[in-house]
Amino acid sequence: MGDLRIKTCVLGMVSTNCYIVYREKEAVVIDPADNGAYIVNQCRELGVMPVAVPPVSTVDRIVDMAPDIVDRIGKFFDKKEDGETV
């Protein structure tokens, strides 16, 4: 079991902190703000698969972003560059 790591991304018009908390090949995205494509790209660069987007509040942007991230996971993580499935 590897070390727990945290990647901070500053996103949105009000510079919200989004956290990608990951270990080995799995990640949890906390407070995803409003840029699902950027978050998924960051996960891909880290070599991790987002497995959860826990609600941290009932703010609409958070509730609305989780499906966007889930939808993008299928598009971005189907194949790695070497053709191996992530």
N, C-alpha and C. Protein backbone atom coordinates (compact mmCIF):
# COMPACT_ATOMS: atom_id res chain seq x y z
N MET A 1 0.84 -1.17 0.00
CA MET A 1 0.00 0.00 0.00
C MET A 1 0.89 1.24 0.00
N GLY A 2 0.70 2.13 -0.98
CA GLY A 2 1.54 3.32 -1.12
C GLY A 2 1.10 4.47 -0.23
N ASP A 3 1.89 5.52 -0.27
CA ASP A 3 1.58 6.72 0.48
C ASP A 3 0.38 7.45 -0.10
N LEU A 4 -0.37 8.09 0.75
CA LEU A 4 -1.48 8.93 0.33
C LEU A 4 -0.90 10.26 -0.15
N ARG A 5 -1.35 10.71 -1.33
CA ARG A 5 -0.84 11.96 -1.90
C ARG A 5 -2.02 12.88 -2.20
N ILE A 6 -1.72 14.17 -2.23
CA ILE A 6 -2.76 15.16 -2.50
C ILE A 6 -2.26 16.13 -3.56
N LYS A 7 -3.05 16.29 -4.61
CA LYS A 7 -2.78 17.27 -5.67
C LYS A 7 -3.83 18.36 -5.53
N THR A 8 -3.41 19.60 -5.37
CA THR A 8 -4.34 20.72 -5.26
C THR A 8 -4.45 21.42 -6.61
N CYS A 9 -5.68 21.65 -7.03
CA CYS A 9 -5.96 22.37 -8.27
C CYS A 9 -6.82 23.58 -7.91
N VAL A 10 -6.43 24.75 -8.37
CA VAL A 10 -7.22 25.96 -8.13
C VAL A 10 -8.08 26.17 -9.38
N LEU A 11 -9.40 26.14 -9.19
CA LEU A 11 -10.32 26.14 -10.32
C LEU A 11 -11.43 27.16 -10.16
N GLY A 12 -12.03 27.51 -11.25
CA GLY A 12 -13.25 28.32 -11.25
C GLY A 12 -13.01 29.80 -11.15
N MET A 13 -14.09 30.53 -11.30
CA MET A 13 -14.04 32.00 -11.29
C MET A 13 -13.63 32.55 -9.92
N VAL A 14 -13.90 31.80 -8.87
CA VAL A 14 -13.56 32.28 -7.53
C VAL A 14 -12.37 31.52 -6.94
N SER A 15 -11.59 30.87 -7.80
CA SER A 15 -10.37 30.15 -7.38
C SER A 15 -10.63 29.15 -6.25
N THR A 16 -11.54 28.23 -6.50
CA THR A 16 -11.86 27.18 -5.55
C THR A 16 -10.75 26.14 -5.52
N ASN A 17 -10.40 25.67 -4.35
CA ASN A 17 -9.43 24.59 -4.23
C ASN A 17 -10.12 23.26 -4.44
N CYS A 18 -9.65 22.51 -5.41
CA CYS A 18 -10.10 21.14 -5.67
C CYS A 18 -8.94 20.24 -5.27
N TYR A 19 -9.24 19.13 -4.63
CA TYR A 19 -8.19 18.22 -4.18
C TYR A 19 -8.36 16.86 -4.84
N ILE A 20 -7.30 16.36 -5.41
CA ILE A 20 -7.26 15.00 -5.93
C ILE A 20 -6.41 14.22 -4.93
N VAL A 21 -7.08 13.41 -4.14
CA VAL A 21 -6.41 12.62 -3.11
C VAL A 21 -6.23 11.22 -3.70
N TYR A 22 -4.99 10.75 -3.76
CA TYR A 22 -4.76 9.49 -4.46
C TYR A 22 -3.70 8.63 -3.78
N ARG A 23 -3.81 7.35 -4.08
CA ARG A 23 -2.83 6.36 -3.65
C ARG A 23 -2.82 5.29 -4.73
N GLU A 24 -1.64 4.91 -5.12
CA GLU A 24 -1.45 3.93 -6.19
C GLU A 24 -2.21 4.36 -7.42
N LYS A 25 -3.24 3.67 -7.85
CA LYS A 25 -3.92 4.00 -9.11
C LYS A 25 -5.34 4.53 -8.93
N GLU A 26 -5.75 4.82 -7.69
CA GLU A 26 -7.10 5.30 -7.44
C GLU A 26 -7.08 6.67 -6.78
N ALA A 27 -8.11 7.47 -7.11
CA ALA A 27 -8.19 8.83 -6.58
C ALA A 27 -9.61 9.17 -6.15
N VAL A 28 -9.69 10.11 -5.22
CA VAL A 28 -10.96 10.70 -4.80
C VAL A 28 -10.84 12.19 -5.13
N VAL A 29 -11.85 12.73 -5.81
CA VAL A 29 -11.85 14.15 -6.19
C VAL A 29 -12.74 14.89 -5.21
N ILE A 30 -12.16 15.84 -4.49
CA ILE A 30 -12.90 16.58 -3.47
C ILE A 30 -13.08 18.02 -3.93
N ASP A 31 -14.34 18.47 -3.93
CA ASP A 31 -14.73 19.82 -4.32
C ASP A 31 -14.30 20.15 -5.76
N PRO A 32 -14.93 19.50 -6.74
CA PRO A 32 -14.47 19.58 -8.13
C PRO A 32 -14.70 20.90 -8.86
N ALA A 33 -15.30 21.87 -8.26
CA ALA A 33 -15.49 23.19 -8.89
C ALA A 33 -16.21 23.05 -10.22
N ASP A 34 -15.64 23.60 -11.31
CA ASP A 34 -16.42 23.69 -12.54
C ASP A 34 -15.67 23.29 -13.80
N ASN A 35 -14.65 22.46 -13.68
CA ASN A 35 -13.88 22.12 -14.87
C ASN A 35 -13.54 20.63 -14.89
N GLY A 36 -14.52 19.83 -15.25
CA GLY A 36 -14.34 18.38 -15.27
C GLY A 36 -13.23 17.91 -16.18
N ALA A 37 -13.08 18.55 -17.34
CA ALA A 37 -12.03 18.13 -18.28
C ALA A 37 -10.65 18.33 -17.67
N TYR A 38 -10.44 19.44 -17.01
CA TYR A 38 -9.14 19.71 -16.38
C TYR A 38 -8.86 18.69 -15.28
N ILE A 39 -9.86 18.41 -14.47
CA ILE A 39 -9.68 17.46 -13.36
C ILE A 39 -9.33 16.08 -13.90
N VAL A 40 -10.06 15.63 -14.89
CA VAL A 40 -9.79 14.31 -15.46
C VAL A 40 -8.41 14.28 -16.11
N ASN A 41 -8.01 15.36 -16.78
CA ASN A 41 -6.67 15.41 -17.37
C ASN A 41 -5.59 15.34 -16.29
N GLN A 42 -5.81 16.02 -15.17
CA GLN A 42 -4.85 15.97 -14.07
C GLN A 42 -4.75 14.53 -13.53
N CYS A 43 -5.87 13.86 -13.40
CA CYS A 43 -5.86 12.47 -12.95
C CYS A 43 -5.10 11.58 -13.92
N ARG A 44 -5.33 11.82 -15.19
CA ARG A 44 -4.64 11.02 -16.20
C ARG A 44 -3.13 11.24 -16.13
N GLU A 45 -2.71 12.50 -15.97
CA GLU A 45 -1.28 12.79 -15.84
C GLU A 45 -0.67 12.13 -14.61
N LEU A 46 -1.47 12.03 -13.54
CA LEU A 46 -1.00 11.37 -12.31
C LEU A 46 -1.04 9.85 -12.43
N GLY A 47 -1.74 9.34 -13.46
CA GLY A 47 -1.87 7.90 -13.65
C GLY A 47 -2.85 7.27 -12.68
N VAL A 48 -3.88 8.05 -12.30
CA VAL A 48 -4.87 7.54 -11.35
C VAL A 48 -6.27 7.60 -11.94
N MET A 49 -7.15 6.74 -11.43
CA MET A 49 -8.54 6.68 -11.85
C MET A 49 -9.40 7.26 -10.73
N PRO A 50 -10.19 8.31 -11.03
CA PRO A 50 -11.12 8.81 -10.01
C PRO A 50 -12.17 7.74 -9.71
N VAL A 51 -12.29 7.37 -8.45
CA VAL A 51 -13.26 6.34 -8.06
C VAL A 51 -14.40 6.92 -7.23
N ALA A 52 -14.26 8.18 -6.79
CA ALA A 52 -15.33 8.80 -6.01
C ALA A 52 -15.23 10.32 -6.09
N VAL A 53 -16.39 10.95 -6.03
CA VAL A 53 -16.49 12.40 -5.93
C VAL A 53 -17.47 12.65 -4.79
N PRO A 54 -16.97 12.61 -3.53
CA PRO A 54 -17.89 12.75 -2.40
C PRO A 54 -18.46 14.16 -2.31
N PRO A 55 -19.75 14.27 -1.98
CA PRO A 55 -20.34 15.60 -1.83
C PRO A 55 -19.79 16.27 -0.57
N VAL A 56 -19.29 17.48 -0.71
CA VAL A 56 -18.78 18.21 0.44
C VAL A 56 -19.74 19.30 0.87
N SER A 57 -20.74 19.57 0.03
CA SER A 57 -21.80 20.51 0.35
C SER A 57 -22.91 20.29 -0.67
N THR A 58 -23.95 21.07 -0.55
CA THR A 58 -25.05 20.95 -1.52
C THR A 58 -24.97 22.04 -2.57
N VAL A 59 -23.83 22.68 -2.70
CA VAL A 59 -23.67 23.71 -3.72
C VAL A 59 -23.90 23.07 -5.09
N ASP A 60 -24.72 23.70 -5.90
CA ASP A 60 -25.10 23.13 -7.19
C ASP A 60 -23.91 22.76 -8.07
N ARG A 61 -22.87 23.59 -8.08
CA ARG A 61 -21.74 23.31 -8.97
C ARG A 61 -21.06 21.99 -8.60
N ILE A 62 -21.05 21.64 -7.33
CA ILE A 62 -20.44 20.38 -6.91
C ILE A 62 -21.33 19.21 -7.31
N VAL A 63 -22.60 19.35 -7.05
CA VAL A 63 -23.55 18.29 -7.40
C VAL A 63 -23.57 18.09 -8.92
N ASP A 64 -23.49 19.19 -9.68
CA ASP A 64 -23.53 19.10 -11.13
C ASP A 64 -22.22 18.59 -11.74
N MET A 65 -21.08 18.76 -11.08
CA MET A 65 -19.79 18.40 -11.65
C MET A 65 -19.52 16.89 -11.57
N ALA A 66 -20.03 16.22 -10.56
CA ALA A 66 -19.75 14.78 -10.42
C ALA A 66 -20.14 13.99 -11.67
N PRO A 67 -21.34 14.16 -12.22
CA PRO A 67 -21.67 13.42 -13.46
C PRO A 67 -20.76 13.78 -14.62
N ASP A 68 -20.33 15.03 -14.71
CA ASP A 68 -19.43 15.44 -15.79
C ASP A 68 -18.10 14.69 -15.67
N ILE A 69 -17.57 14.59 -14.47
CA ILE A 69 -16.32 13.87 -14.27
C ILE A 69 -16.50 12.39 -14.61
N VAL A 70 -17.58 11.79 -14.14
CA VAL A 70 -17.85 10.38 -14.43
C VAL A 70 -17.97 10.15 -15.92
N ASP A 71 -18.67 11.04 -16.63
CA ASP A 71 -18.82 10.92 -18.09
C ASP A 71 -17.46 11.01 -18.78
N ARG A 72 -16.63 11.94 -18.34
CA ARG A 72 -15.32 12.13 -18.96
C ARG A 72 -14.36 10.99 -18.66
N ILE A 73 -14.54 10.32 -17.54
CA ILE A 73 -13.65 9.20 -17.20
C ILE A 73 -13.70 8.16 -18.31
N GLY A 74 -14.88 7.83 -18.77
CA GLY A 74 -15.02 6.84 -19.82
C GLY A 74 -14.33 7.26 -21.11
N LYS A 75 -14.35 8.55 -21.41
CA LYS A 75 -13.74 9.04 -22.64
C LYS A 75 -12.23 9.13 -22.55
N PHE A 76 -11.70 9.50 -21.37
CA PHE A 76 -10.27 9.74 -21.22
C PHE A 76 -9.50 8.52 -20.75
N PHE A 77 -10.18 7.60 -20.09
CA PHE A 77 -9.46 6.50 -19.47
C PHE A 77 -9.68 5.16 -20.15
N ASP A 78 -10.37 5.14 -21.28
CA ASP A 78 -10.58 3.88 -21.97
C ASP A 78 -9.26 3.24 -22.38
N LYS A 79 -8.35 4.02 -22.90
CA LYS A 79 -7.07 3.50 -23.37
C LYS A 79 -5.94 4.43 -22.96
N LYS A 80 -4.84 3.88 -22.56
CA LYS A 80 -3.63 4.67 -22.35
C LYS A 80 -2.91 4.75 -23.69
N GLU A 81 -1.86 5.54 -23.74
CA GLU A 81 -1.13 5.71 -24.99
C GLU A 81 -0.60 4.41 -25.55
N ASP A 82 -0.21 3.47 -24.68
CA ASP A 82 0.35 2.21 -25.16
C ASP A 82 -0.73 1.19 -25.49
N GLY A 83 -2.01 1.61 -25.40
CA GLY A 83 -3.11 0.73 -25.75
C GLY A 83 -3.61 -0.13 -24.60
N GLU A 84 -2.93 -0.10 -23.48
CA GLU A 84 -3.35 -0.90 -22.33
C GLU A 84 -4.53 -0.22 -21.66
N THR A 85 -5.52 -0.99 -21.26
CA THR A 85 -6.68 -0.45 -20.55
C THR A 85 -6.28 -0.05 -19.16
N VAL A 86 -6.74 1.14 -18.76
CA VAL A 86 -6.43 1.63 -17.41
C VAL A 86 -7.30 0.93 -16.41
